[in-house]
Protein backbone atom coordinates (compact mmCIF):
# COMPACT_ATOMS: atom_id res chain seq x y z
CA UNK A 1 42.44 37.78 65.12
CA UNK A 2 39.16 38.79 65.31
CA UNK A 3 36.78 35.75 66.24
CA UNK A 4 33.78 35.62 63.73
CA UNK A 5 31.41 34.64 67.00
CA UNK A 6 29.64 37.99 67.62
CA UNK A 7 29.60 37.63 71.19
CA UNK A 8 33.07 36.96 71.24
CA UNK A 9 33.98 39.77 69.01
CA UNK A 10 35.25 42.93 70.82
CA UNK A 11 36.54 44.90 68.83
CA UNK A 12 39.46 47.29 69.83
CA UNK A 13 40.33 51.15 68.43
CA UNK A 14 43.18 51.95 65.20
CA UNK A 15 43.82 55.25 63.79
CA UNK A 16 42.58 55.63 61.10
CA UNK A 17 41.92 59.29 59.30
CA UNK A 18 41.94 60.68 62.31
CA UNK A 19 39.63 58.63 64.24
CA UNK A 20 39.62 55.18 65.97
CA UNK A 21 37.56 52.65 64.66
CA UNK A 22 36.11 48.76 66.01
CA UNK A 23 37.94 47.13 62.79
CA UNK A 24 40.52 44.73 65.12
CA UNK A 25 39.93 42.47 68.18
CA UNK A 26 40.76 44.22 71.71
CA UNK A 27 44.00 44.21 72.81
CA UNK A 28 43.09 44.54 76.35
CA UNK A 29 46.22 44.69 77.92
CA UNK A 30 46.81 48.30 77.72
CA UNK A 31 47.04 50.52 81.35
CA UNK A 32 43.45 51.21 82.58
CA UNK A 33 42.20 54.68 81.89
CA UNK A 34 42.74 57.17 84.84
CA UNK A 35 46.45 55.49 85.76
CA UNK A 36 49.62 57.28 85.24
CA UNK A 37 50.53 54.71 82.62
CA UNK A 38 47.78 54.50 80.93
CA UNK A 39 46.26 58.40 80.72
CA UNK A 40 47.88 60.13 78.25
CA UNK A 41 47.21 63.30 79.60
CA UNK A 42 49.23 62.74 82.66
CA UNK A 43 51.88 65.31 83.39
CA UNK A 44 52.05 68.51 81.46
CA UNK A 45 50.82 69.16 77.67
CA UNK A 46 50.82 65.62 76.00
CA UNK A 47 51.35 67.23 72.62
CA UNK A 48 55.04 69.16 73.29
CA UNK A 49 56.94 67.65 71.20
CA UNK A 50 56.63 63.83 69.97
CA UNK A 51 52.72 61.83 70.18
CA UNK A 52 51.78 60.91 73.57
CA UNK A 53 50.12 58.04 72.17
CA UNK A 54 53.19 56.21 69.84
CA UNK A 55 54.16 53.62 71.60
CA UNK A 56 51.53 53.35 74.53
CA UNK A 57 48.06 53.36 73.05
CA UNK A 58 46.98 49.78 72.85
CA UNK A 59 45.28 49.78 69.88
CA UNK A 60 47.70 51.52 67.79
CA UNK A 61 48.32 48.49 64.96
CA UNK A 62 50.55 48.57 62.60
CA UNK A 63 51.75 51.59 60.80
CA UNK A 64 49.17 53.60 62.73
CA UNK A 65 50.94 54.95 65.06
CA UNK A 66 49.23 58.77 65.10
CA UNK A 67 46.10 60.41 64.91
CA UNK A 68 44.73 63.90 64.17
CA UNK A 69 44.57 65.33 67.87
CA UNK A 70 40.88 66.32 68.80
CA UNK A 71 42.13 69.00 71.36
CA UNK A 72 44.94 70.58 69.41
CA UNK A 73 44.55 74.59 68.61
CA UNK A 74 44.80 76.41 65.11
CA UNK A 75 47.41 79.06 64.90
CA UNK A 76 44.39 81.44 66.43
CA UNK A 77 44.49 79.52 69.35
CA UNK A 78 40.67 77.88 68.62
CA UNK A 79 40.42 74.29 69.36
CA UNK A 80 39.24 72.06 67.07
CA UNK A 81 35.41 70.93 67.17
CA UNK A 82 35.32 67.44 69.39
CA UNK A 83 30.93 67.21 68.94
CA UNK A 84 31.31 63.92 66.79
CA UNK A 85 33.34 62.26 69.26
CA UNK A 86 31.92 59.38 71.68
CA UNK A 87 31.35 60.14 74.83
CA UNK A 88 28.94 58.44 77.80
CA UNK A 89 25.94 59.66 77.12
CA UNK A 90 26.16 58.67 73.48
CA UNK A 91 26.61 54.93 74.34
CA UNK A 92 23.27 55.19 77.25
CA UNK A 93 21.44 56.47 74.96
CA UNK A 94 22.33 53.88 71.50
CA UNK A 95 22.01 50.78 74.72
CA UNK A 96 18.79 52.33 75.23
CA UNK A 97 17.66 52.80 72.57
CA UNK A 98 18.48 49.00 71.18
CA UNK A 99 17.47 47.07 74.75
CA UNK A 100 14.45 49.34 73.88
CA UNK A 101 13.67 47.78 70.86
CA UNK A 102 14.53 44.18 72.06
CA UNK A 103 12.23 44.82 74.87
CA UNK A 104 9.55 46.31 72.68
CA UNK A 105 9.20 43.01 70.44
CA UNK A 106 9.43 41.12 73.22
CA UNK A 107 6.38 41.97 74.60
CA UNK A 108 5.16 41.80 71.69
CA UNK A 109 5.87 38.35 70.85
CA UNK A 110 4.70 37.38 74.53
CA UNK A 111 1.12 38.89 74.10
CA UNK A 112 0.32 38.00 70.00
CA UNK A 113 2.64 34.37 69.57
CA UNK A 114 0.45 32.15 71.94
CA UNK A 115 2.16 29.14 73.49
CA UNK A 116 -0.53 27.11 74.33
CA UNK A 117 -0.99 23.62 73.18
CA UNK A 118 -2.84 24.63 70.11
CA UNK A 119 -0.31 27.87 69.10
CA UNK A 120 2.66 26.45 70.17
CA UNK A 121 4.19 24.77 67.20
CA UNK A 122 3.37 27.90 64.88
CA UNK A 123 5.01 30.43 67.41
CA UNK A 124 8.20 28.47 68.36
CA UNK A 125 8.59 28.29 64.34
CA UNK A 126 8.87 31.54 64.50
CA UNK A 127 10.62 32.29 67.41
CA UNK A 128 13.48 29.93 65.82
CA UNK A 129 13.00 31.72 62.77
CA UNK A 130 13.35 35.40 64.41
CA UNK A 131 16.54 34.29 66.45
CA UNK A 132 18.56 32.73 63.55
CA UNK A 133 18.14 35.69 61.22
CA UNK A 134 19.01 37.55 64.37
CA UNK A 135 22.23 35.44 64.61
CA UNK A 136 22.99 36.16 60.80
CA UNK A 137 22.62 39.68 61.02
CA UNK A 138 25.28 39.80 64.48
CA UNK A 139 27.36 37.56 62.43
CA UNK A 140 27.28 40.42 59.39
CA UNK A 141 27.89 43.39 61.84
CA UNK A 142 30.64 41.75 63.53
CA UNK A 143 32.17 41.46 60.21
CA UNK A 144 31.68 45.08 59.14
CA UNK A 145 33.94 47.88 59.70
CA UNK A 146 31.57 50.45 60.70
CA UNK A 147 28.73 50.44 62.77
CA UNK A 148 25.41 50.05 60.85
CA UNK A 149 22.08 51.54 62.89
CA UNK A 150 19.67 49.51 60.80
CA UNK A 151 21.57 46.88 60.86
CA UNK A 152 21.98 46.57 64.93
CA UNK A 153 18.32 47.45 65.57
CA UNK A 154 16.93 44.64 63.55
CA UNK A 155 19.06 42.19 65.59
CA UNK A 156 17.68 43.56 68.38
CA UNK A 157 14.01 43.15 67.24
CA UNK A 158 14.59 39.95 65.79
CA UNK A 159 15.90 38.83 69.29
CA UNK A 160 13.31 40.46 71.34
CA UNK A 161 10.50 38.16 69.10
CA UNK A 162 13.08 34.85 70.13
CA UNK A 163 13.27 36.12 73.98
CA UNK A 164 9.58 36.81 74.17
CA UNK A 165 8.58 33.57 72.81
CA UNK A 166 11.12 31.34 74.62
CA UNK A 167 10.60 33.58 78.03
CA UNK A 168 6.88 32.75 77.63
CA UNK A 169 7.04 28.91 77.31
CA UNK A 170 9.53 28.93 80.26
CA UNK A 171 7.34 30.97 82.05
CA UNK A 172 4.17 29.05 81.11
CA UNK A 173 4.67 25.18 81.38
CA UNK A 174 7.90 24.86 83.11
CA UNK A 175 8.97 27.38 85.57
CA UNK A 176 6.25 30.38 86.84
CA UNK A 177 8.01 33.54 87.31
CA UNK A 178 10.90 32.65 85.23
CA UNK A 179 11.11 35.39 83.07
CA UNK A 180 11.02 37.92 85.49
CA UNK A 181 13.34 36.29 87.89
CA UNK A 182 15.82 36.07 84.92
CA UNK A 183 15.43 39.66 84.68
CA UNK A 184 16.13 40.77 87.98
CA UNK A 185 19.07 38.43 87.79
CA UNK A 186 20.61 40.11 84.93
CA UNK A 187 20.15 43.49 86.21
CA UNK A 188 21.74 42.42 89.43
CA UNK A 189 25.30 40.74 87.65
CA UNK A 190 25.06 44.18 85.41
CA UNK A 191 24.76 46.47 88.33
CA UNK A 192 27.47 44.36 90.38
CA UNK A 193 30.00 44.33 87.54
CA UNK A 194 29.82 48.03 86.97
CA UNK A 195 30.05 48.88 90.71
CA UNK A 196 33.29 46.09 90.67
CA UNK A 197 34.60 47.49 87.65
CA UNK A 198 34.72 51.64 88.72
CA UNK A 199 36.12 50.56 92.24
CA UNK A 200 38.85 48.75 90.39
CA UNK A 201 38.37 45.50 91.56
CA UNK A 202 38.15 44.13 88.53
CA UNK A 203 41.19 44.77 85.97
CA UNK A 204 40.85 44.42 82.23
CA UNK A 205 44.17 43.52 81.38
CA UNK A 206 45.61 40.68 78.40
CA UNK A 207 45.81 38.07 80.79
CA UNK A 208 42.23 38.48 82.00
CA UNK A 209 41.13 38.76 77.96
CA UNK A 210 42.85 35.93 77.22
CA UNK A 211 41.31 33.82 79.50
CA UNK A 212 37.67 34.86 78.78
CA UNK A 213 38.38 33.97 75.67
CA UNK A 214 39.87 30.50 75.85
CA UNK A 215 37.02 29.80 78.37
CA UNK A 216 34.06 31.07 76.65
CA UNK A 217 35.42 29.39 73.55
CA UNK A 218 35.73 26.10 75.59
CA UNK A 219 32.29 26.70 77.04
CA UNK A 220 30.74 27.03 73.78
CA UNK A 221 32.51 24.15 71.92
CA UNK A 222 30.95 21.82 74.87
CA UNK A 223 27.30 23.30 74.20
CA UNK A 224 27.75 22.63 70.35
CA UNK A 225 28.71 19.36 71.18
CA UNK A 226 26.15 18.88 73.57
CA UNK A 227 23.52 19.81 71.16
CA UNK A 228 24.96 17.86 68.07
CA UNK A 229 24.28 14.77 70.62
CA UNK A 230 21.28 16.01 71.53
CA UNK A 231 19.63 16.18 67.84
CA UNK A 232 20.78 12.80 66.64
CA UNK A 233 21.03 10.76 69.28
CA UNK A 234 17.80 12.42 71.29
CA UNK A 235 17.79 12.79 75.00
CA UNK A 236 19.60 15.90 77.00
CA UNK A 237 22.73 14.40 74.71
CA UNK A 238 25.71 14.54 77.01
CA UNK A 239 23.49 16.12 79.74
CA UNK A 240 25.60 19.60 79.77
CA UNK A 241 21.84 21.06 79.81
CA UNK A 242 19.80 19.70 82.25
CA UNK A 243 20.62 18.11 86.08
CA UNK A 244 23.79 18.45 88.55
CA UNK A 245 25.85 19.07 85.14
CA UNK A 246 23.22 22.14 83.83
CA UNK A 247 23.19 24.02 86.78
CA UNK A 248 26.77 23.69 87.38
CA UNK A 249 27.29 24.62 83.25
CA UNK A 250 24.55 27.70 84.01
CA UNK A 251 26.38 29.46 86.73
CA UNK A 252 29.61 29.40 84.30
CA UNK A 253 27.37 30.71 81.73
CA UNK A 254 26.76 33.24 83.85
CA UNK A 255 29.98 34.45 84.98
CA UNK A 256 31.24 34.53 81.98
CA UNK A 257 28.77 37.00 81.06
CA UNK A 258 29.79 38.82 83.32
CA UNK A 259 33.26 39.00 82.55
CA UNK A 260 32.26 39.96 79.12
CA UNK A 261 30.41 42.47 80.78
CA UNK A 262 33.92 43.96 82.47
CA UNK A 263 34.93 43.63 78.53
CA UNK A 264 32.43 45.75 77.37
CA UNK A 265 33.22 48.57 80.36
CA UNK A 266 36.37 48.24 79.68
CA UNK A 267 36.04 49.07 75.16
CA UNK A 268 33.63 52.03 76.29
CA UNK A 269 35.69 53.45 78.35
CA UNK A 270 38.55 53.30 76.05
CA UNK A 271 36.63 54.41 73.17
CA UNK A 272 35.86 57.63 74.78
CA UNK A 273 39.17 57.87 76.23
CA UNK A 274 41.09 57.29 73.14
CA UNK A 275 38.45 59.66 71.26
CA UNK A 276 36.72 57.34 69.09
CA UNK A 277 33.90 58.63 66.47
CA UNK A 278 30.16 58.86 67.56
CA UNK A 279 28.33 56.80 65.57
CA UNK A 280 31.29 53.59 67.68
CA UNK A 281 28.72 54.47 70.47
CA UNK A 282 26.56 51.64 68.41
CA UNK A 283 28.77 49.10 68.27
CA UNK A 284 29.00 49.31 71.92
CA UNK A 285 25.67 49.14 72.87
CA UNK A 286 25.55 46.28 70.22
CA UNK A 287 28.20 44.92 72.10
CA UNK A 288 26.79 44.95 75.40
CA UNK A 289 22.93 44.01 74.53
CA UNK A 290 24.35 41.07 73.22
CA UNK A 291 26.29 40.36 76.34
CA UNK A 292 23.19 40.96 78.36
CA UNK A 293 20.75 38.45 76.43
CA UNK A 294 23.44 35.88 76.91
CA UNK A 295 23.43 36.75 80.89
CA UNK A 296 19.73 36.66 80.20
CA UNK A 297 19.41 33.27 78.78
CA UNK A 298 21.31 31.86 81.38
CA UNK A 299 19.65 32.52 84.19
CA UNK A 300 16.30 31.44 82.44
CA UNK A 301 17.57 28.47 81.71
CA UNK A 302 19.00 28.23 85.51
CA UNK A 303 15.89 28.39 86.81
CA UNK A 304 14.02 26.47 84.36
CA UNK A 305 16.22 23.37 85.77
CA UNK A 306 16.11 24.68 89.34
CA UNK A 307 12.62 25.06 89.21
CA UNK A 308 11.41 21.89 86.84
CA UNK A 309 13.27 19.43 89.12
CA UNK A 310 10.64 20.56 91.77
């Protein structure tokens, strides 16, 4: 069952009309790509006889066990075109476009929505409104069967406005330099997880996926309860976002974000290996962007707590 939370929604692939689709929750438990067990191309011609993916593709669902072979040749020996398949270049370009949109709107919000005493209320109101609309757009995209580039870019633009104002507030009034430190921390986590994943130090399987999802849902539930206590009871709620507990939960949040990065990398790797259509690279960019935003916000909160107590 796919989660309604866009951060938790990691779409898997199924076979539909000859293409892989991101229309279900991932079944992260299949053999790793590149191994003898998980590589459908190892061991000679995989297309002689039965479909190599039947019973082996972790993303096949129900009766959708077969799909059009993108490498099959016709009677004249001409290989079918594969230009509509997702590649790593597609994922990189879409992710760069999405993150670039977010960064541009964040910079504009930083400069044109001042956070001094006279304008703080108005700027913060605009940021909260943009953040709520971005959350709605993320939920809509998470329930859509196909990727919508316009929807994803709109989410990135509005999320950028929210991040720009929040970062400016923290940087100006709580912890000078916090925004840049959070960016550096996010880049460091991304690089470390990518290196660890490519080196095989992180193995994304069914057990890993289940643990991360359970931990993340518990984390979000606790934060929601803390927020409710803060809204109706005042103060810091249950104290999960301030002081010593705030530091502990901030570290847990960063670690969960790192785990989601590993799930994102697995999704991209399997999408390319199983021949996902090119437009699905937008969904990969969408997932990576949301994960990076999660990690950035956790770092920003951590830095605000640590430096704000000085």
